[in-house]
Amino acid sequence: MPTYLYKNIQTGEIYELQQSMRDEPYTAHPETGAPVKRVLARPGIAFKGSGFYVTDSRPKESSGGGGE
């Protein structure tokens, strides 16, 4: 089951709660009943450097060598 971040509206505390992707987002903390709101989190993967883009995998054109 995925883990989602929820923020307590009153205190600002952040919680990690597990729930099914099919379930509606929580509006209250399941244990304490405090009002919560789902917040977005940064993805756990970041692509940095060369080799991750379409232009990185194309062969470089040679500047004069032979051909036509």
C-alpha atoms as a PDB file:
ATOM      1  CA  MET A   1       0.000   0.000   0.000  1.00  0.00           C
ATOM      2  CA  PRO A   2       1.283   3.484  -0.802  1.00  0.00           C
ATOM      3  CA  THR A   3       2.253   5.947   1.899  1.00  0.00           C
ATOM      4  CA  TYR A   4       0.851   9.492   1.757  1.00  0.00           C
ATOM      5  CA  LEU A   5       1.797  12.628   3.665  1.00  0.00           C
ATOM      6  CA  TYR A   6      -0.885  14.371   5.680  1.00  0.00           C
ATOM      7  CA  LYS A   7      -0.601  17.642   7.576  1.00  0.00           C
ATOM      8  CA  ASN A   8      -2.492  18.357  10.792  1.00  0.00           C
ATOM      9  CA  ILE A   9      -4.417  21.560  10.043  1.00  0.00           C
ATOM     10  CA  GLN A  10      -4.324  22.790  13.647  1.00  0.00           C
ATOM     11  CA  THR A  11      -0.716  22.030  14.658  1.00  0.00           C
ATOM     12  CA  GLY A  12       1.087  21.755  11.300  1.00  0.00           C
ATOM     13  CA  GLU A  13       2.498  18.333  12.201  1.00  0.00           C
ATOM     14  CA  ILE A  14       3.212  16.013   9.242  1.00  0.00           C
ATOM     15  CA  TYR A  15       2.068  12.372   9.286  1.00  0.00           C
ATOM     16  CA  GLU A  16       2.791   9.450   6.978  1.00  0.00           C
ATOM     17  CA  LEU A  17      -0.335   7.342   6.554  1.00  0.00           C
ATOM     18  CA  GLN A  18      -0.778   4.206   4.459  1.00  0.00           C
ATOM     19  CA  GLN A  19      -3.952   3.753   2.479  1.00  0.00           C
ATOM     20  CA  SER A  20      -5.128   2.163  -0.720  1.00  0.00           C
ATOM     21  CA  MET A  21      -4.933   4.174  -3.932  1.00  0.00           C
ATOM     22  CA  ARG A  22      -8.661   3.619  -4.351  1.00  0.00           C
ATOM     23  CA  ASP A  23      -9.592   5.176  -0.991  1.00  0.00           C
ATOM     24  CA  GLU A  24     -10.643   8.787  -0.644  1.00  0.00           C
ATOM     25  CA  PRO A  25      -8.102  11.042   1.121  1.00  0.00           C
ATOM     26  CA  TYR A  26      -8.452  11.246   4.890  1.00  0.00           C
ATOM     27  CA  THR A  27     -10.079  14.360   6.341  1.00  0.00           C
ATOM     28  CA  ALA A  28      -9.360  13.314   9.931  1.00  0.00           C
ATOM     29  CA  HIS A  29      -6.458  11.382  11.447  1.00  0.00           C
ATOM     30  CA  PRO A  30      -7.621   7.738  11.837  1.00  0.00           C
ATOM     31  CA  GLU A  31      -6.324   7.440  15.426  1.00  0.00           C
ATOM     32  CA  THR A  32      -6.650  10.929  16.922  1.00  0.00           C
ATOM     33  CA  GLY A  33      -9.517  12.367  14.884  1.00  0.00           C
ATOM     34  CA  ALA A  34      -7.599  15.623  14.295  1.00  0.00           C
ATOM     35  CA  PRO A  35      -8.413  17.373  10.991  1.00  0.00           C
ATOM     36  CA  VAL A  36      -5.779  16.599   8.336  1.00  0.00           C
ATOM     37  CA  LYS A  37      -5.078  17.497   4.718  1.00  0.00           C
ATOM     38  CA  ARG A  38      -3.049  15.519   2.162  1.00  0.00           C
ATOM     39  CA  VAL A  39       0.097  17.313   1.014  1.00  0.00           C
ATOM     40  CA  LEU A  40       2.260  16.695  -2.030  1.00  0.00           C
ATOM     41  CA  ALA A  41       5.728  15.248  -1.556  1.00  0.00           C
ATOM     42  CA  ARG A  42       8.786  15.335  -3.765  1.00  0.00           C
ATOM     43  CA  PRO A  43       9.342  12.190  -5.779  1.00  0.00           C
ATOM     44  CA  GLY A  44      11.950   9.791  -4.487  1.00  0.00           C
ATOM     45  CA  ILE A  45      13.938   9.803  -7.731  1.00  0.00           C
ATOM     46  CA  ALA A  46      15.740  12.606  -9.545  1.00  0.00           C
ATOM     47  CA  PHE A  47      17.408  12.307 -12.934  1.00  0.00           C
ATOM     48  CA  LYS A  48      20.589  14.383 -13.052  1.00  0.00           C
ATOM     49  CA  GLY A  49      23.399  14.465 -15.537  1.00  0.00           C
ATOM     50  CA  SER A  50      23.575  13.294 -19.100  1.00  0.00           C
ATOM     51  CA  GLY A  51      22.031  10.155 -20.486  1.00  0.00           C
ATOM     52  CA  PHE A  52      18.435  10.719 -19.428  1.00  0.00           C
ATOM     53  CA  TYR A  53      17.107  12.706 -22.366  1.00  0.00           C
ATOM     54  CA  VAL A  54      16.283  11.779 -25.982  1.00  0.00           C
ATOM     55  CA  THR A  55      18.970  14.104 -27.297  1.00  0.00           C
ATOM     56  CA  ASP A  56      21.635  12.362 -25.195  1.00  0.00           C
ATOM     57  CA  SER A  57      21.158   8.999 -26.897  1.00  0.00           C
ATOM     58  CA  ARG A  58      21.369  10.198 -30.503  1.00  0.00           C
ATOM     59  CA  PRO A  59      24.639   9.743 -32.321  1.00  0.00           C
ATOM     60  CA  LYS A  60      26.635  12.928 -32.765  1.00  0.00           C
ATOM     61  CA  GLU A  61      26.898  14.207 -36.317  1.00  0.00           C
ATOM     62  CA  SER A  62      30.397  14.303 -37.673  1.00  0.00           C
ATOM     63  CA  SER A  63      31.538  17.569 -39.152  1.00  0.00           C
ATOM     64  CA  GLY A  64      33.164  16.562 -42.344  1.00  0.00           C
ATOM     65  CA  GLY A  65      34.418  13.180 -42.978  1.00  0.00           C
ATOM     66  CA  GLY A  66      33.027  11.397 -45.895  1.00  0.00           C
ATOM     67  CA  GLY A  67      29.841  10.591 -47.392  1.00  0.00           C
ATOM     68  CA  GLU A  68      28.055  12.036 -50.300  1.00  0.00           C
END
